[in-house]
Each structure stands twice: as C-alpha cells, then as structure tokens.
Amino acid sequence: MAKPRGAIVIDIERCKGCELCIEACPADVIMMAKKVNGKGYHYAYMENPNACTGCENCAIVCPDGVITVYRVKVEV
C-alpha cells in the first residue's frame, strides 16, 4: 500500500507570519522561525518534514499564497 508523502516550500520573503498554516496543519509539520525575513516578520518553515502528507491545508488557508505543496506516493 502506498503512503502519501508531502513536502512544502514556503517563500519566506513573502510570508507575513500570520500562523494560519500552523493551525490548519493536522500533522504539526509547520512552525514559526525565530529569525525574521527581510520585512521583519517571523516566517513559517517545515519543522517536521517526515510527518507531512501533502494535504494542502496550509496552502489553502495562506492568504498570500506563499506555500507550494508537493505530494508523492511512497511504497511501504
């Protein structure tokens, strides 16, 4: 049986740190960075990449569209 596996790419320079993606992620994959981007915002990043299923919830709720989701099926 194939298990869905995902990965996200966040445009950190465009992220405003609203944290909506963190709330939307059922797998607790996304966290806020302690560092700031060029605009002075703490940005989201992928803290637990192995837990991502590629559900796309984070990309759907992102008001600025800075998250791209990739999904692959991995044979278990």
PDB file of N, CA and C in Angstrom:
ATOM      1  N   MET A   1       0.846  -1.187   0.000  1.00  0.00           N
ATOM      2  CA  MET A   1       0.000   0.000   0.000  1.00  0.00           C
ATOM      3  C   MET A   1       0.885   1.241   0.000  1.00  0.00           C
ATOM      4  N   ALA A   2       0.566   2.166  -0.839  1.00  0.00           N
ATOM      5  CA  ALA A   2       1.342   3.405  -0.935  1.00  0.00           C
ATOM      6  C   ALA A   2       0.890   4.401   0.125  1.00  0.00           C
ATOM      7  N   LYS A   3       1.844   5.035   0.741  1.00  0.00           N
ATOM      8  CA  LYS A   3       1.567   6.045   1.755  1.00  0.00           C
ATOM      9  C   LYS A   3       1.835   7.419   1.146  1.00  0.00           C
ATOM     10  N   PRO A   4       0.887   8.355   1.274  1.00  0.00           N
ATOM     11  CA  PRO A   4       1.146   9.696   0.720  1.00  0.00           C
ATOM     12  C   PRO A   4       2.213  10.410   1.538  1.00  0.00           C
ATOM     13  N   ARG A   5       3.105  11.064   0.846  1.00  0.00           N
ATOM     14  CA  ARG A   5       4.184  11.793   1.490  1.00  0.00           C
ATOM     15  C   ARG A   5       4.222  13.165   0.858  1.00  0.00           C
ATOM     16  N   GLY A   6       4.392  14.173   1.655  1.00  0.00           N
ATOM     17  CA  GLY A   6       4.370  15.515   1.108  1.00  0.00           C
ATOM     18  C   GLY A   6       5.571  16.338   1.505  1.00  0.00           C
ATOM     19  N   ALA A   7       5.679  17.469   0.866  1.00  0.00           N
ATOM     20  CA  ALA A   7       6.700  18.465   1.194  1.00  0.00           C
ATOM     21  C   ALA A   7       6.140  19.825   0.823  1.00  0.00           C
ATOM     22  N   ILE A   8       6.526  20.824   1.586  1.00  0.00           N
ATOM     23  CA  ILE A   8       6.076  22.176   1.281  1.00  0.00           C
ATOM     24  C   ILE A   8       7.277  23.085   1.072  1.00  0.00           C
ATOM     25  N   VAL A   9       7.071  24.085   0.238  1.00  0.00           N
ATOM     26  CA  VAL A   9       8.076  25.125   0.026  1.00  0.00           C
ATOM     27  C   VAL A   9       7.385  26.445   0.347  1.00  0.00           C
ATOM     28  N   ILE A  10       8.004  27.201   1.240  1.00  0.00           N
ATOM     29  CA  ILE A  10       7.436  28.478   1.661  1.00  0.00           C
ATOM     30  C   ILE A  10       8.352  29.602   1.180  1.00  0.00           C
ATOM     31  N   ASP A  11       7.762  30.575   0.512  1.00  0.00           N
ATOM     32  CA  ASP A  11       8.512  31.764   0.094  1.00  0.00           C
ATOM     33  C   ASP A  11       8.674  32.646   1.334  1.00  0.00           C
ATOM     34  N   ILE A  12       9.788  32.488   2.032  1.00  0.00           N
ATOM     35  CA  ILE A  12       9.948  33.147   3.330  1.00  0.00           C
ATOM     36  C   ILE A  12       9.984  34.668   3.233  1.00  0.00           C
ATOM     37  N   GLU A  13      10.382  35.202   2.108  1.00  0.00           N
ATOM     38  CA  GLU A  13      10.409  36.660   1.964  1.00  0.00           C
ATOM     39  C   GLU A  13       9.012  37.252   1.808  1.00  0.00           C
ATOM     40  N   ARG A  14       8.056  36.451   1.373  1.00  0.00           N
ATOM     41  CA  ARG A  14       6.680  36.933   1.218  1.00  0.00           C
ATOM     42  C   ARG A  14       5.793  36.555   2.401  1.00  0.00           C
ATOM     43  N   CYS A  15       6.262  35.666   3.275  1.00  0.00           N
ATOM     44  CA  CYS A  15       5.469  35.213   4.428  1.00  0.00           C
ATOM     45  C   CYS A  15       5.361  36.344   5.453  1.00  0.00           C
ATOM     46  N   LYS A  16       4.128  36.591   5.919  1.00  0.00           N
ATOM     47  CA  LYS A  16       3.888  37.656   6.902  1.00  0.00           C
ATOM     48  C   LYS A  16       3.732  37.124   8.321  1.00  0.00           C
ATOM     49  N   GLY A  17       3.887  35.812   8.501  1.00  0.00           N
ATOM     50  CA  GLY A  17       3.837  35.236   9.844  1.00  0.00           C
ATOM     51  C   GLY A  17       2.467  35.233  10.480  1.00  0.00           C
ATOM     52  N   CYS A  18       1.414  35.071   9.708  1.00  0.00           N
ATOM     53  CA  CYS A  18       0.050  35.097  10.258  1.00  0.00           C
ATOM     54  C   CYS A  18      -0.279  33.843  11.068  1.00  0.00           C
ATOM     55  N   GLU A  19       0.464  32.761  10.866  1.00  0.00           N
ATOM     56  CA  GLU A  19       0.329  31.492  11.585  1.00  0.00           C
ATOM     57  C   GLU A  19      -0.929  30.704  11.247  1.00  0.00           C
ATOM     58  N   LEU A  20      -1.667  31.088  10.217  1.00  0.00           N
ATOM     59  CA  LEU A  20      -2.851  30.327   9.827  1.00  0.00           C
ATOM     60  C   LEU A  20      -2.478  28.928   9.352  1.00  0.00           C
ATOM     61  N   CYS A  21      -1.333  28.793   8.703  1.00  0.00           N
ATOM     62  CA  CYS A  21      -0.895  27.494   8.205  1.00  0.00           C
ATOM     63  C   CYS A  21      -0.603  26.528   9.352  1.00  0.00           C
ATOM     64  N   ILE A  22      -0.098  27.041  10.455  1.00  0.00           N
ATOM     65  CA  ILE A  22       0.205  26.202  11.608  1.00  0.00           C
ATOM     66  C   ILE A  22      -1.079  25.608  12.166  1.00  0.00           C
ATOM     67  N   GLU A  23      -2.109  26.428  12.291  1.00  0.00           N
ATOM     68  CA  GLU A  23      -3.400  25.960  12.799  1.00  0.00           C
ATOM     69  C   GLU A  23      -4.055  24.971  11.852  1.00  0.00           C
ATOM     70  N   ALA A  24      -3.845  25.138  10.557  1.00  0.00           N
ATOM     71  CA  ALA A  24      -4.500  24.284   9.558  1.00  0.00           C
ATOM     72  C   ALA A  24      -3.812  22.932   9.381  1.00  0.00           C
ATOM     73  N   CYS A  25      -2.584  22.798   9.821  1.00  0.00           N
ATOM     74  CA  CYS A  25      -1.812  21.567   9.592  1.00  0.00           C
ATOM     75  C   CYS A  25      -2.193  20.486  10.603  1.00  0.00           C
ATOM     76  N   PRO A  26      -2.796  19.373  10.133  1.00  0.00           N
ATOM     77  CA  PRO A  26      -3.201  18.305  11.062  1.00  0.00           C
ATOM     78  C   PRO A  26      -2.022  17.479  11.573  1.00  0.00           C
ATOM     79  N   ALA A  27      -0.872  17.582  10.921  1.00  0.00           N
ATOM     80  CA  ALA A  27       0.285  16.761  11.295  1.00  0.00           C
ATOM     81  C   ALA A  27       1.349  17.542  12.073  1.00  0.00           C
ATOM     82  N   ASP A  28       1.072  18.780  12.441  1.00  0.00           N
ATOM     83  CA  ASP A  28       2.029  19.625  13.169  1.00  0.00           C
ATOM     84  C   ASP A  28       3.391  19.682  12.486  1.00  0.00           C
ATOM     85  N   VAL A  29       3.374  19.941  11.201  1.00  0.00           N
ATOM     86  CA  VAL A  29       4.597  19.993  10.406  1.00  0.00           C
ATOM     87  C   VAL A  29       5.224  21.388  10.423  1.00  0.00           C
ATOM     88  N   ILE A  30       4.414  22.418  10.507  1.00  0.00           N
ATOM     89  CA  ILE A  30       4.884  23.802  10.322  1.00  0.00           C
ATOM     90  C   ILE A  30       5.058  24.512  11.663  1.00  0.00           C
ATOM     91  N   MET A  31       6.139  25.272  11.759  1.00  0.00           N
ATOM     92  CA  MET A  31       6.417  26.089  12.943  1.00  0.00           C
ATOM     93  C   MET A  31       6.843  27.479  12.470  1.00  0.00           C
ATOM     94  N   MET A  32       6.938  28.406  13.397  1.00  0.00           N
ATOM     95  CA  MET A  32       7.425  29.750  13.087  1.00  0.00           C
ATOM     96  C   MET A  32       8.909  29.829  13.421  1.00  0.00           C
ATOM     97  N   ALA A  33       9.666  30.438  12.533  1.00  0.00           N
ATOM     98  CA  ALA A  33      11.106  30.607  12.729  1.00  0.00           C
ATOM     99  C   ALA A  33      11.366  31.694  13.760  1.00  0.00           C
ATOM    100  N   LYS A  34      12.444  31.545  14.488  1.00  0.00           N
ATOM    101  CA  LYS A  34      12.850  32.592  15.419  1.00  0.00           C
ATOM    102  C   LYS A  34      13.483  33.767  14.663  1.00  0.00           C
ATOM    103  N   LYS A  35      14.040  33.477  13.482  1.00  0.00           N
ATOM    104  CA  LYS A  35      14.626  34.512  12.647  1.00  0.00           C
ATOM    105  C   LYS A  35      13.510  35.282  11.938  1.00  0.00           C
ATOM    106  N   VAL A  36      13.852  36.418  11.365  1.00  0.00           N
ATOM    107  CA  VAL A  36      12.889  37.214  10.612  1.00  0.00           C
ATOM    108  C   VAL A  36      13.346  37.341   9.167  1.00  0.00           C
ATOM    109  N   ASN A  37      12.368  37.591   8.288  1.00  0.00           N
ATOM    110  CA  ASN A  37      12.691  37.788   6.873  1.00  0.00           C
ATOM    111  C   ASN A  37      13.078  39.250   6.631  1.00  0.00           C
ATOM    112  N   GLY A  38      13.250  39.621   5.385  1.00  0.00           N
ATOM    113  CA  GLY A  38      13.663  40.973   5.027  1.00  0.00           C
ATOM    114  C   GLY A  38      12.676  42.055   5.428  1.00  0.00           C
ATOM    115  N   LYS A  39      11.424  41.679   5.641  1.00  0.00           N
ATOM    116  CA  LYS A  39      10.403  42.657   6.036  1.00  0.00           C
ATOM    117  C   LYS A  39      10.221  42.718   7.543  1.00  0.00           C
ATOM    118  N   GLY A  40      10.956  41.885   8.268  1.00  0.00           N
ATOM    119  CA  GLY A  40      10.881  41.905   9.729  1.00  0.00           C
ATOM    120  C   GLY A  40       9.863  40.956  10.325  1.00  0.00           C
ATOM    121  N   TYR A  41       9.294  40.057   9.527  1.00  0.00           N
ATOM    122  CA  TYR A  41       8.302  39.100  10.023  1.00  0.00           C
ATOM    123  C   TYR A  41       8.959  37.756  10.340  1.00  0.00           C
ATOM    124  N   HIS A  42       8.505  37.118  11.415  1.00  0.00           N
ATOM    125  CA  HIS A  42       8.872  35.726  11.646  1.00  0.00           C
ATOM    126  C   HIS A  42       8.126  34.926  10.584  1.00  0.00           C
ATOM    127  N   TYR A  43       8.778  33.970   9.973  1.00  0.00           N
ATOM    128  CA  TYR A  43       8.177  33.234   8.865  1.00  0.00           C
ATOM    129  C   TYR A  43       7.968  31.766   9.225  1.00  0.00           C
ATOM    130  N   ALA A  44       7.052  31.128   8.518  1.00  0.00           N
ATOM    131  CA  ALA A  44       6.765  29.712   8.719  1.00  0.00           C
ATOM    132  C   ALA A  44       7.832  28.875   8.027  1.00  0.00           C
ATOM    133  N   TYR A  45       8.101  27.706   8.608  1.00  0.00           N
ATOM    134  CA  TYR A  45       9.017  26.761   7.969  1.00  0.00           C
ATOM    135  C   TYR A  45       8.597  25.337   8.328  1.00  0.00           C
ATOM    136  N   MET A  46       9.124  24.378   7.609  1.00  0.00           N
ATOM    137  CA  MET A  46       8.759  22.970   7.769  1.00  0.00           C
ATOM    138  C   MET A  46       9.628  22.355   8.867  1.00  0.00           C
ATOM    139  N   GLU A  47       9.077  22.219  10.066  1.00  0.00           N
ATOM    140  CA  GLU A  47       9.809  21.701  11.230  1.00  0.00           C
ATOM    141  C   GLU A  47       9.911  20.179  11.217  1.00  0.00           C
ATOM    142  N   ASN A  48       8.831  19.497  10.868  1.00  0.00           N
ATOM    143  CA  ASN A  48       8.786  18.035  10.890  1.00  0.00           C
ATOM    144  C   ASN A  48       8.486  17.497   9.495  1.00  0.00           C
ATOM    145  N   PRO A  49       9.454  17.507   8.600  1.00  0.00           N
ATOM    146  CA  PRO A  49       9.182  17.144   7.203  1.00  0.00           C
ATOM    147  C   PRO A  49       8.695  15.707   7.010  1.00  0.00           C
ATOM    148  N   ASN A  50       9.095  14.791   7.856  1.00  0.00           N
ATOM    149  CA  ASN A  50       8.685  13.394   7.695  1.00  0.00           C
ATOM    150  C   ASN A  50       7.210  13.170   8.004  1.00  0.00           C
ATOM    151  N   ALA A  51       6.575  14.102   8.698  1.00  0.00           N
ATOM    152  CA  ALA A  51       5.165  13.956   9.057  1.00  0.00           C
ATOM    153  C   ALA A  51       4.214  14.509   7.989  1.00  0.00           C
ATOM    154  N   CYS A  52       4.725  15.239   7.025  1.00  0.00           N
ATOM    155  CA  CYS A  52       3.878  15.888   6.015  1.00  0.00           C
ATOM    156  C   CYS A  52       3.253  14.861   5.072  1.00  0.00           C
ATOM    157  N   THR A  53       1.933  14.971   4.889  1.00  0.00           N
ATOM    158  CA  THR A  53       1.206  14.084   3.984  1.00  0.00           C
ATOM    159  C   THR A  53       0.830  14.774   2.683  1.00  0.00           C
ATOM    160  N   GLY A  54       1.107  16.059   2.587  1.00  0.00           N
ATOM    161  CA  GLY A  54       0.762  16.805   1.379  1.00  0.00           C
ATOM    162  C   GLY A  54      -0.718  17.107   1.274  1.00  0.00           C
ATOM    163  N   CYS A  55      -1.382  17.295   2.396  1.00  0.00           N
ATOM    164  CA  CYS A  55      -2.834  17.505   2.420  1.00  0.00           C
ATOM    165  C   CYS A  55      -3.257  18.841   1.798  1.00  0.00           C
ATOM    166  N   GLU A  56      -2.355  19.785   1.704  1.00  0.00           N
ATOM    167  CA  GLU A  56      -2.579  21.112   1.113  1.00  0.00           C
ATOM    168  C   GLU A  56      -3.382  22.075   1.981  1.00  0.00           C
ATOM    169  N   ASN A  57      -3.714  21.706   3.210  1.00  0.00           N
ATOM    170  CA  ASN A  57      -4.470  22.613   4.072  1.00  0.00           C
ATOM    171  C   ASN A  57      -3.726  23.929   4.275  1.00  0.00           C
ATOM    172  N   CYS A  58      -2.419  23.858   4.458  1.00  0.00           N
ATOM    173  CA  CYS A  58      -1.631  25.075   4.696  1.00  0.00           C
ATOM    174  C   CYS A  58      -1.691  26.017   3.507  1.00  0.00           C
ATOM    175  N   ALA A  59      -1.578  25.467   2.307  1.00  0.00           N
ATOM    176  CA  ALA A  59      -1.604  26.299   1.099  1.00  0.00           C
ATOM    177  C   ALA A  59      -2.987  26.901   0.873  1.00  0.00           C
ATOM    178  N   ILE A  60      -4.017  26.169   1.228  1.00  0.00           N
ATOM    179  CA  ILE A  60      -5.388  26.659   1.035  1.00  0.00           C
ATOM    180  C   ILE A  60      -5.686  27.855   1.931  1.00  0.00           C
ATOM    181  N   VAL A  61      -5.234  27.813   3.179  1.00  0.00           N
ATOM    182  CA  VAL A  61      -5.555  28.897   4.115  1.00  0.00           C
ATOM    183  C   VAL A  61      -4.595  30.083   4.039  1.00  0.00           C
ATOM    184  N   CYS A  62      -3.464  29.927   3.357  1.00  0.00           N
ATOM    185  CA  CYS A  62      -2.485  31.013   3.291  1.00  0.00           C
ATOM    186  C   CYS A  62      -3.069  32.198   2.509  1.00  0.00           C
ATOM    187  N   PRO A  63      -3.245  33.343   3.169  1.00  0.00           N
ATOM    188  CA  PRO A  63      -3.854  34.485   2.482  1.00  0.00           C
ATOM    189  C   PRO A  63      -2.972  35.102   1.394  1.00  0.00           C
ATOM    190  N   ASP A  64      -1.672  34.848   1.466  1.00  0.00           N
ATOM    191  CA  ASP A  64      -0.761  35.436   0.489  1.00  0.00           C
ATOM    192  C   ASP A  64      -0.262  34.441  -0.546  1.00  0.00           C
ATOM    193  N   GLY A  65      -0.690  33.186  -0.454  1.00  0.00           N
ATOM    194  CA  GLY A  65      -0.316  32.183  -1.441  1.00  0.00           C
ATOM    195  C   GLY A  65       1.178  31.924  -1.516  1.00  0.00           C
ATOM    196  N   VAL A  66       1.854  31.882  -0.374  1.00  0.00           N
ATOM    197  CA  VAL A  66       3.304  31.708  -0.369  1.00  0.00           C
ATOM    198  C   VAL A  66       3.740  30.253  -0.181  1.00  0.00           C
ATOM    199  N   ILE A  67       2.771  29.341  -0.051  1.00  0.00           N
ATOM    200  CA  ILE A  67       3.099  27.934   0.193  1.00  0.00           C
ATOM    201  C   ILE A  67       2.781  27.095  -1.038  1.00  0.00           C
ATOM    202  N   THR A  68       3.761  26.303  -1.461  1.00  0.00           N
ATOM    203  CA  THR A  68       3.584  25.348  -2.545  1.00  0.00           C
ATOM    204  C   THR A  68       3.713  23.957  -1.948  1.00  0.00           C
ATOM    205  N   VAL A  69       2.766  23.070  -2.281  1.00  0.00           N
ATOM    206  CA  VAL A  69       2.761  21.719  -1.725  1.00  0.00           C
ATOM    207  C   VAL A  69       3.082  20.710  -2.816  1.00  0.00           C
ATOM    208  N   TYR A  70       3.953  19.773  -2.480  1.00  0.00           N
ATOM    209  CA  TYR A  70       4.299  18.678  -3.382  1.00  0.00           C
ATOM    210  C   TYR A  70       3.895  17.377  -2.704  1.00  0.00           C
ATOM    211  N   ARG A  71       3.383  16.426  -3.497  1.00  0.00           N
ATOM    212  CA  ARG A  71       2.956  15.155  -2.938  1.00  0.00           C
ATOM    213  C   ARG A  71       3.453  14.015  -3.804  1.00  0.00           C
ATOM    214  N   VAL A  72       3.938  12.958  -3.154  1.00  0.00           N
ATOM    215  CA  VAL A  72       4.367  11.741  -3.838  1.00  0.00           C
ATOM    216  C   VAL A  72       3.840  10.545  -3.059  1.00  0.00           C
ATOM    217  N   LYS A  73       3.711   9.411  -3.728  1.00  0.00           N
ATOM    218  CA  LYS A  73       3.325   8.187  -3.042  1.00  0.00           C
ATOM    219  C   LYS A  73       4.571   7.356  -2.821  1.00  0.00           C
ATOM    220  N   VAL A  74       4.749   6.923  -1.589  1.00  0.00           N
ATOM    221  CA  VAL A  74       5.918   6.132  -1.217  1.00  0.00           C
ATOM    222  C   VAL A  74       5.447   4.725  -0.893  1.00  0.00           C
ATOM    223  N   GLU A  75       6.056   3.733  -1.524  1.00  0.00           N
ATOM    224  CA  GLU A  75       5.713   2.349  -1.220  1.00  0.00           C
ATOM    225  C   GLU A  75       6.245   1.970   0.140  1.00  0.00           C
ATOM    226  N   VAL A  76       5.373   1.363   0.965  1.00  0.00           N
ATOM    227  CA  VAL A  76       5.770   0.973   2.320  1.00  0.00           C
ATOM    228  C   VAL A  76       6.026  -0.500   2.370  1.00  0.00           C
TER     229      VAL A  76
END
